[in-house]
C-alpha atoms as a PDB file:
ATOM      1  CA  MET A   1       2.410 -21.295 -11.465  1.00  0.00           C
ATOM      2  CA  GLN A   2       5.973 -21.547 -10.210  1.00  0.00           C
ATOM      3  CA  GLU A   3       6.908 -19.334  -7.288  1.00  0.00           C
ATOM      4  CA  ILE A   4      10.108 -17.429  -7.877  1.00  0.00           C
ATOM      5  CA  ARG A   5      12.097 -16.806  -4.725  1.00  0.00           C
ATOM      6  CA  VAL A   6      14.777 -14.141  -4.489  1.00  0.00           C
ATOM      7  CA  ASP A   7      17.441 -13.529  -1.878  1.00  0.00           C
ATOM      8  CA  LYS A   8      17.181 -10.160  -0.145  1.00  0.00           C
ATOM      9  CA  HIS A   9      19.207  -8.527   2.568  1.00  0.00           C
ATOM     10  CA  LEU A  10      16.972  -6.331   4.692  1.00  0.00           C
ATOM     11  CA  LYS A  11      17.602  -4.386   7.859  1.00  0.00           C
ATOM     12  CA  LEU A  12      14.400  -4.687   9.865  1.00  0.00           C
ATOM     13  CA  ARG A  13      13.505  -3.742  13.408  1.00  0.00           C
ATOM     14  CA  ALA A  14      13.914  -6.806  15.617  1.00  0.00           C
ATOM     15  CA  ASP A  15      11.013  -5.800  17.868  1.00  0.00           C
ATOM     16  CA  LEU A  16       8.627  -5.590  14.899  1.00  0.00           C
ATOM     17  CA  ILE A  17       9.726  -8.966  13.547  1.00  0.00           C
ATOM     18  CA  LYS A  18       9.324 -10.558  16.981  1.00  0.00           C
ATOM     19  CA  LYS A  19       5.835  -9.098  17.481  1.00  0.00           C
ATOM     20  CA  ALA A  20       4.769 -10.025  13.936  1.00  0.00           C
ATOM     21  CA  LYS A  21       5.981 -13.609  14.473  1.00  0.00           C
ATOM     22  CA  GLU A  22       3.815 -13.832  17.591  1.00  0.00           C
ATOM     23  CA  ILE A  23       0.763 -12.343  15.866  1.00  0.00           C
ATOM     24  CA  LEU A  24       1.122 -14.383  12.676  1.00  0.00           C
ATOM     25  CA  LYS A  25       2.229 -17.535  14.520  1.00  0.00           C
ATOM     26  CA  THR A  26       5.141 -18.060  12.147  1.00  0.00           C
ATOM     27  CA  GLU A  27       8.393 -19.883  12.776  1.00  0.00           C
ATOM     28  CA  THR A  28      10.955 -17.997  10.693  1.00  0.00           C
ATOM     29  CA  GLU A  29      11.607 -14.379   9.883  1.00  0.00           C
ATOM     30  CA  SER A  30      11.249 -15.104   6.163  1.00  0.00           C
ATOM     31  CA  GLU A  31       7.877 -16.753   6.732  1.00  0.00           C
ATOM     32  CA  THR A  32       6.831 -13.774   8.840  1.00  0.00           C
ATOM     33  CA  VAL A  33       7.741 -11.199   6.222  1.00  0.00           C
ATOM     34  CA  GLU A  34       6.153 -13.250   3.425  1.00  0.00           C
ATOM     35  CA  LYS A  35       2.894 -13.725   5.349  1.00  0.00           C
ATOM     36  CA  ALA A  36       2.754 -10.030   6.277  1.00  0.00           C
ATOM     37  CA  LEU A  37       3.280  -9.041   2.634  1.00  0.00           C
ATOM     38  CA  SER A  38       0.548 -11.468   1.592  1.00  0.00           C
ATOM     39  CA  PHE A  39      -1.851  -9.762   4.000  1.00  0.00           C
ATOM     40  CA  ILE A  40      -0.977  -6.347   2.541  1.00  0.00           C
ATOM     41  CA  VAL A  41      -1.598  -7.566  -1.014  1.00  0.00           C
ATOM     42  CA  ALA A  42      -4.896  -9.189  -0.008  1.00  0.00           C
ATOM     43  CA  GLU A  43      -5.996  -6.005   1.771  1.00  0.00           C
ATOM     44  CA  ALA A  44      -5.263  -3.949  -1.351  1.00  0.00           C
ATOM     45  CA  GLU A  45      -7.307  -6.370  -3.466  1.00  0.00           C
ATOM     46  CA  ILE A  46     -10.221  -6.189  -1.010  1.00  0.00           C
ATOM     47  CA  ARG A  47     -10.116  -2.393  -1.014  1.00  0.00           C
ATOM     48  CA  GLN A  48     -10.177  -2.382  -4.829  1.00  0.00           C
ATOM     49  CA  VAL A  49     -13.260  -4.612  -4.913  1.00  0.00           C
ATOM     50  CA  ILE A  50     -14.989  -2.380  -2.357  1.00  0.00           C
ATOM     51  CA  ARG A  51     -14.194   0.713  -4.452  1.00  0.00           C
ATOM     52  CA  GLU A  52     -15.653  -1.000  -7.523  1.00  0.00           C
ATOM     53  CA  MET A  53     -18.758  -2.059  -5.576  1.00  0.00           C
ATOM     54  CA  LYS A  54     -19.451   1.451  -4.336  1.00  0.00           C
ATOM     55  CA  ASP A  55     -20.017   2.518  -7.944  1.00  0.00           C
ATOM     56  CA  ILE A  56     -22.758  -0.126  -8.183  1.00  0.00           C
ATOM     57  CA  GLY A  57     -24.496   1.280  -5.154  1.00  0.00           C
ATOM     58  CA  GLY A  58     -25.617  -0.230  -1.907  1.00  0.00           C
ATOM     59  CA  VAL A  59     -22.230   0.021  -0.230  1.00  0.00           C
ATOM     60  CA  GLU A  60     -21.751   2.783   2.291  1.00  0.00           C
ATOM     61  CA  LYS A  61     -18.284   4.369   2.425  1.00  0.00           C
ATOM     62  CA  VAL A  62     -16.762   3.308   5.726  1.00  0.00           C
ATOM     63  CA  TYR A  63     -13.103   3.803   4.815  1.00  0.00           C
ATOM     64  CA  ASP A  64     -11.136   4.616   1.687  1.00  0.00           C
END
């Protein structure tokens, strides 16, 4: 699958980008934003699987 890249102009808080770069151990701002977005997508997918599992039973609701 070919990754499609698009140019975007975003106004982001410099302090958040700097802190995220430190946490994610990334080199560039683009890499930082992309990695952070990947984590958000993965988290949403995990939450969906957990919601589906709770209908099966055996999974206690810890968060929604």
